[in-house]
PDB file of N, CA and C in Angstrom:
ATOM      1  N   MET A   1      -6.080  12.819 -41.772  1.00  0.00           N
ATOM      2  CA  MET A   1      -7.109  13.544 -41.070  1.00  0.00           C
ATOM      3  C   MET A   1      -6.848  15.050 -41.178  1.00  0.00           C
ATOM      4  N   CYS A   2      -5.594  15.474 -41.129  1.00  0.00           N
ATOM      5  CA  CYS A   2      -5.264  16.890 -41.187  1.00  0.00           C
ATOM      6  C   CYS A   2      -4.347  17.160 -42.368  1.00  0.00           C
ATOM      7  N   GLU A   3      -4.420  18.372 -42.852  1.00  0.00           N
ATOM      8  CA  GLU A   3      -3.565  18.803 -43.948  1.00  0.00           C
ATOM      9  C   GLU A   3      -2.849  20.074 -43.528  1.00  0.00           C
ATOM     10  N   PRO A   4      -1.711  20.395 -44.156  1.00  0.00           N
ATOM     11  CA  PRO A   4      -1.009  21.636 -43.823  1.00  0.00           C
ATOM     12  C   PRO A   4      -1.969  22.827 -43.916  1.00  0.00           C
ATOM     13  N   GLY A   5      -1.903  23.694 -42.918  1.00  0.00           N
ATOM     14  CA  GLY A   5      -2.781  24.856 -42.874  1.00  0.00           C
ATOM     15  C   GLY A   5      -4.029  24.657 -42.035  1.00  0.00           C
ATOM     16  N   ASP A   6      -4.382  23.410 -41.723  1.00  0.00           N
ATOM     17  CA  ASP A   6      -5.542  23.139 -40.872  1.00  0.00           C
ATOM     18  C   ASP A   6      -5.257  23.602 -39.447  1.00  0.00           C
ATOM     19  N   ILE A   7      -6.303  24.016 -38.753  1.00  0.00           N
ATOM     20  CA  ILE A   7      -6.201  24.344 -37.334  1.00  0.00           C
ATOM     21  C   ILE A   7      -6.583  23.100 -36.559  1.00  0.00           C
ATOM     22  N   LEU A   8      -5.731  22.689 -35.639  1.00  0.00           N
ATOM     23  CA  LEU A   8      -5.950  21.459 -34.880  1.00  0.00           C
ATOM     24  C   LEU A   8      -5.982  21.790 -33.395  1.00  0.00           C
ATOM     25  N   ILE A   9      -7.065  21.424 -32.744  1.00  0.00           N
ATOM     26  CA  ILE A   9      -7.192  21.590 -31.299  1.00  0.00           C
ATOM     27  C   ILE A   9      -7.347  20.198 -30.701  1.00  0.00           C
ATOM     28  N   ILE A  10      -6.482  19.881 -29.765  1.00  0.00           N
ATOM     29  CA  ILE A  10      -6.552  18.570 -29.102  1.00  0.00           C
ATOM     30  C   ILE A  10      -6.900  18.809 -27.635  1.00  0.00           C
ATOM     31  N   TRP A  11      -7.939  18.136 -27.186  1.00  0.00           N
ATOM     32  CA  TRP A  11      -8.390  18.276 -25.807  1.00  0.00           C
ATOM     33  C   TRP A  11      -8.567  16.879 -25.236  1.00  0.00           C
ATOM     34  N   ALA A  12      -7.958  16.658 -24.108  1.00  0.00           N
ATOM     35  CA  ALA A  12      -8.102  15.356 -23.458  1.00  0.00           C
ATOM     36  C   ALA A  12      -8.080  15.555 -21.946  1.00  0.00           C
ATOM     37  N   ASN A  13      -8.969  14.869 -21.266  1.00  0.00           N
ATOM     38  CA  ASN A  13      -8.914  14.868 -19.818  1.00  0.00           C
ATOM     39  C   ASN A  13      -9.523  13.582 -19.287  1.00  0.00           C
ATOM     40  N   GLU A  14      -8.882  13.063 -18.293  1.00  0.00           N
ATOM     41  CA  GLU A  14      -9.337  11.834 -17.642  1.00  0.00           C
ATOM     42  C   GLU A  14      -8.596  11.746 -16.323  1.00  0.00           C
ATOM     43  N   GLU A  15      -9.283  11.395 -15.283  1.00  0.00           N
ATOM     44  CA  GLU A  15      -8.633  11.192 -14.004  1.00  0.00           C
ATOM     45  C   GLU A  15      -8.808   9.726 -13.625  1.00  0.00           C
ATOM     46  N   ILE A  16      -7.753   8.966 -13.855  1.00  0.00           N
ATOM     47  CA  ILE A  16      -7.788   7.525 -13.599  1.00  0.00           C
ATOM     48  C   ILE A  16      -6.354   7.047 -13.385  1.00  0.00           C
ATOM     49  N   GLU A  17      -6.197   6.093 -12.546  1.00  0.00           N
ATOM     50  CA  GLU A  17      -4.870   5.535 -12.300  1.00  0.00           C
ATOM     51  C   GLU A  17      -4.379   4.790 -13.538  1.00  0.00           C
ATOM     52  N   ARG A  18      -3.114   4.988 -13.857  1.00  0.00           N
ATOM     53  CA  ARG A  18      -2.515   4.319 -15.020  1.00  0.00           C
ATOM     54  C   ARG A  18      -2.675   2.804 -14.924  1.00  0.00           C
ATOM     55  N   SER A  19      -2.498   2.261 -13.738  1.00  0.00           N
ATOM     56  CA  SER A  19      -2.610   0.817 -13.545  1.00  0.00           C
ATOM     57  C   SER A  19      -4.008   0.315 -13.901  1.00  0.00           C
ATOM     58  N   GLU A  20      -5.029   1.129 -13.636  1.00  0.00           N
ATOM     59  CA  GLU A  20      -6.397   0.732 -13.970  1.00  0.00           C
ATOM     60  C   GLU A  20      -6.602   0.706 -15.488  1.00  0.00           C
ATOM     61  N   VAL A  21      -6.047   1.697 -16.193  1.00  0.00           N
ATOM     62  CA  VAL A  21      -6.142   1.712 -17.655  1.00  0.00           C
ATOM     63  C   VAL A  21      -5.441   0.485 -18.235  1.00  0.00           C
ATOM     64  N   LEU A  22      -4.261   0.170 -17.715  1.00  0.00           N
ATOM     65  CA  LEU A  22      -3.531  -0.997 -18.219  1.00  0.00           C
ATOM     66  C   LEU A  22      -4.269  -2.299 -17.920  1.00  0.00           C
ATOM     67  N   ARG A  23      -5.005  -2.324 -16.808  1.00  0.00           N
ATOM     68  CA  ARG A  23      -5.737  -3.526 -16.423  1.00  0.00           C
ATOM     69  C   ARG A  23      -7.071  -3.650 -17.165  1.00  0.00           C
ATOM     70  N   GLN A  24      -7.799  -2.531 -17.317  1.00  0.00           N
ATOM     71  CA  GLN A  24      -9.151  -2.581 -17.858  1.00  0.00           C
ATOM     72  C   GLN A  24      -9.283  -2.039 -19.274  1.00  0.00           C
ATOM     73  N   GLY A  25      -8.271  -1.312 -19.748  1.00  0.00           N
ATOM     74  CA  GLY A  25      -8.363  -0.686 -21.060  1.00  0.00           C
ATOM     75  C   GLY A  25      -9.061   0.664 -20.973  1.00  0.00           C
ATOM     76  N   HIS A  26      -9.226   1.309 -22.124  1.00  0.00           N
ATOM     77  CA  HIS A  26      -9.841   2.631 -22.159  1.00  0.00           C
ATOM     78  C   HIS A  26     -10.388   2.897 -23.558  1.00  0.00           C
ATOM     79  N   GLN A  27     -11.485   3.604 -23.641  1.00  0.00           N
ATOM     80  CA  GLN A  27     -12.030   3.990 -24.934  1.00  0.00           C
ATOM     81  C   GLN A  27     -12.237   5.504 -24.941  1.00  0.00           C
ATOM     82  N   ALA A  28     -11.603   6.174 -25.903  1.00  0.00           N
ATOM     83  CA  ALA A  28     -11.732   7.617 -26.044  1.00  0.00           C
ATOM     84  C   ALA A  28     -12.653   7.935 -27.211  1.00  0.00           C
ATOM     85  N   ARG A  29     -13.462   8.959 -27.045  1.00  0.00           N
ATOM     86  CA  ARG A  29     -14.317   9.439 -28.129  1.00  0.00           C
ATOM     87  C   ARG A  29     -13.597  10.629 -28.765  1.00  0.00           C
ATOM     88  N   VAL A  30     -13.480  10.607 -30.074  1.00  0.00           N
ATOM     89  CA  VAL A  30     -12.779  11.662 -30.815  1.00  0.00           C
ATOM     90  C   VAL A  30     -13.787  12.386 -31.699  1.00  0.00           C
ATOM     91  N   LEU A  31     -13.848  13.693 -31.568  1.00  0.00           N
ATOM     92  CA  LEU A  31     -14.754  14.524 -32.356  1.00  0.00           C
ATOM     93  C   LEU A  31     -13.921  15.364 -33.319  1.00  0.00           C
ATOM     94  N   VAL A  32     -14.242  15.303 -34.588  1.00  0.00           N
ATOM     95  CA  VAL A  32     -13.607  16.134 -35.607  1.00  0.00           C
ATOM     96  C   VAL A  32     -14.635  17.184 -36.020  1.00  0.00           C
ATOM     97  N   ALA A  33     -14.241  18.463 -35.929  1.00  0.00           N
ATOM     98  CA  ALA A  33     -15.155  19.565 -36.267  1.00  0.00           C
ATOM     99  C   ALA A  33     -14.690  20.253 -37.546  1.00  0.00           C
ATOM    100  N   ASP A  34     -15.630  20.943 -38.216  1.00  0.00           N
ATOM    101  CA  ASP A  34     -15.275  21.687 -39.419  1.00  0.00           C
ATOM    102  C   ASP A  34     -14.747  23.075 -39.044  1.00  0.00           C
ATOM    103  N   GLU A  35     -14.484  23.908 -40.046  1.00  0.00           N
ATOM    104  CA  GLU A  35     -13.909  25.234 -39.806  1.00  0.00           C
ATOM    105  C   GLU A  35     -14.842  26.161 -39.037  1.00  0.00           C
ATOM    106  N   ASN A  36     -16.117  25.811 -38.931  1.00  0.00           N
ATOM    107  CA  ASN A  36     -17.080  26.593 -38.154  1.00  0.00           C
ATOM    108  C   ASN A  36     -17.357  25.963 -36.795  1.00  0.00           C
ATOM    109  N   ASN A  37     -16.520  25.010 -36.414  1.00  0.00           N
ATOM    110  CA  ASN A  37     -16.626  24.320 -35.129  1.00  0.00           C
ATOM    111  C   ASN A  37     -17.890  23.477 -35.010  1.00  0.00           C
ATOM    112  N   ARG A  38     -18.409  23.017 -36.141  1.00  0.00           N
ATOM    113  CA  ARG A  38     -19.563  22.118 -36.142  1.00  0.00           C
ATOM    114  C   ARG A  38     -19.066  20.681 -36.223  1.00  0.00           C
ATOM    115  N   PRO A  39     -19.671  19.770 -35.486  1.00  0.00           N
ATOM    116  CA  PRO A  39     -19.253  18.369 -35.540  1.00  0.00           C
ATOM    117  C   PRO A  39     -19.313  17.832 -36.978  1.00  0.00           C
ATOM    118  N   LYS A  40     -18.246  17.183 -37.385  1.00  0.00           N
ATOM    119  CA  LYS A  40     -18.156  16.627 -38.730  1.00  0.00           C
ATOM    120  C   LYS A  40     -18.067  15.103 -38.687  1.00  0.00           C
ATOM    121  N   GLU A  41     -17.361  14.584 -37.695  1.00  0.00           N
ATOM    122  CA  GLU A  41     -17.142  13.141 -37.599  1.00  0.00           C
ATOM    123  C   GLU A  41     -16.852  12.788 -36.141  1.00  0.00           C
ATOM    124  N   VAL A  42     -17.333  11.646 -35.698  1.00  0.00           N
ATOM    125  CA  VAL A  42     -17.044  11.129 -34.365  1.00  0.00           C
ATOM    126  C   VAL A  42     -16.572   9.698 -34.523  1.00  0.00           C
ATOM    127  N   PHE A  43     -15.464   9.361 -33.851  1.00  0.00           N
ATOM    128  CA  PHE A  43     -15.021   7.972 -33.856  1.00  0.00           C
ATOM    129  C   PHE A  43     -14.422   7.635 -32.496  1.00  0.00           C
ATOM    130  N   TYR A  44     -14.202   6.368 -32.272  1.00  0.00           N
ATOM    131  CA  TYR A  44     -13.701   5.893 -30.980  1.00  0.00           C
ATOM    132  C   TYR A  44     -12.332   5.296 -31.165  1.00  0.00           C
ATOM    133  N   GLN A  45     -11.465   5.554 -30.182  1.00  0.00           N
ATOM    134  CA  GLN A  45     -10.122   4.980 -30.148  1.00  0.00           C
ATOM    135  C   GLN A  45     -10.051   4.113 -28.898  1.00  0.00           C
ATOM    136  N   THR A  46      -9.643   2.865 -29.058  1.00  0.00           N
ATOM    137  CA  THR A  46      -9.665   1.925 -27.947  1.00  0.00           C
ATOM    138  C   THR A  46      -8.256   1.441 -27.593  1.00  0.00           C
ATOM    139  N   LEU A  47      -7.952   1.480 -26.304  1.00  0.00           N
ATOM    140  CA  LEU A  47      -6.713   0.932 -25.766  1.00  0.00           C
ATOM    141  C   LEU A  47      -7.109  -0.362 -25.057  1.00  0.00           C
ATOM    142  N   THR A  48      -6.605  -1.476 -25.551  1.00  0.00           N
ATOM    143  CA  THR A  48      -6.946  -2.759 -24.924  1.00  0.00           C
ATOM    144  C   THR A  48      -5.889  -3.100 -23.880  1.00  0.00           C
ATOM    145  N   PRO A  49      -6.316  -3.697 -22.779  1.00  0.00           N
ATOM    146  CA  PRO A  49      -5.366  -3.999 -21.695  1.00  0.00           C
ATOM    147  C   PRO A  49      -4.363  -5.076 -22.100  1.00  0.00           C
ATOM    148  N   ASN A  50      -3.107  -4.803 -21.812  1.00  0.00           N
ATOM    149  CA  ASN A  50      -2.035  -5.781 -22.010  1.00  0.00           C
ATOM    150  C   ASN A  50      -2.015  -6.382 -23.402  1.00  0.00           C
ATOM    151  N   GLY A  51      -2.352  -5.611 -24.416  1.00  0.00           N
ATOM    152  CA  GLY A  51      -2.261  -6.070 -25.794  1.00  0.00           C
ATOM    153  C   GLY A  51      -3.342  -7.038 -26.241  1.00  0.00           C
ATOM    154  N   GLU A  52      -4.416  -7.187 -25.460  1.00  0.00           N
ATOM    155  CA  GLU A  52      -5.518  -8.074 -25.862  1.00  0.00           C
ATOM    156  C   GLU A  52      -6.188  -7.523 -27.104  1.00  0.00           C
ATOM    157  N   HIS A  53      -6.802  -8.362 -27.894  1.00  0.00           N
ATOM    158  CA  HIS A  53      -7.491  -7.929 -29.109  1.00  0.00           C
ATOM    159  C   HIS A  53      -8.984  -8.167 -29.012  1.00  0.00           C
TER     160      HIS A  53
END
């Protein structure tokens, strides 16, 4: 996703109890922007509870 010399900004915020995430799982939306800060790609990252698939 990144190469040497790329500028990488990571932003994350969520207010939720850890136990709830472990019980219910969580889905994060990830936005990749170009060098002009325009959206280039969006994908989702999913944490499944207790290793469920």
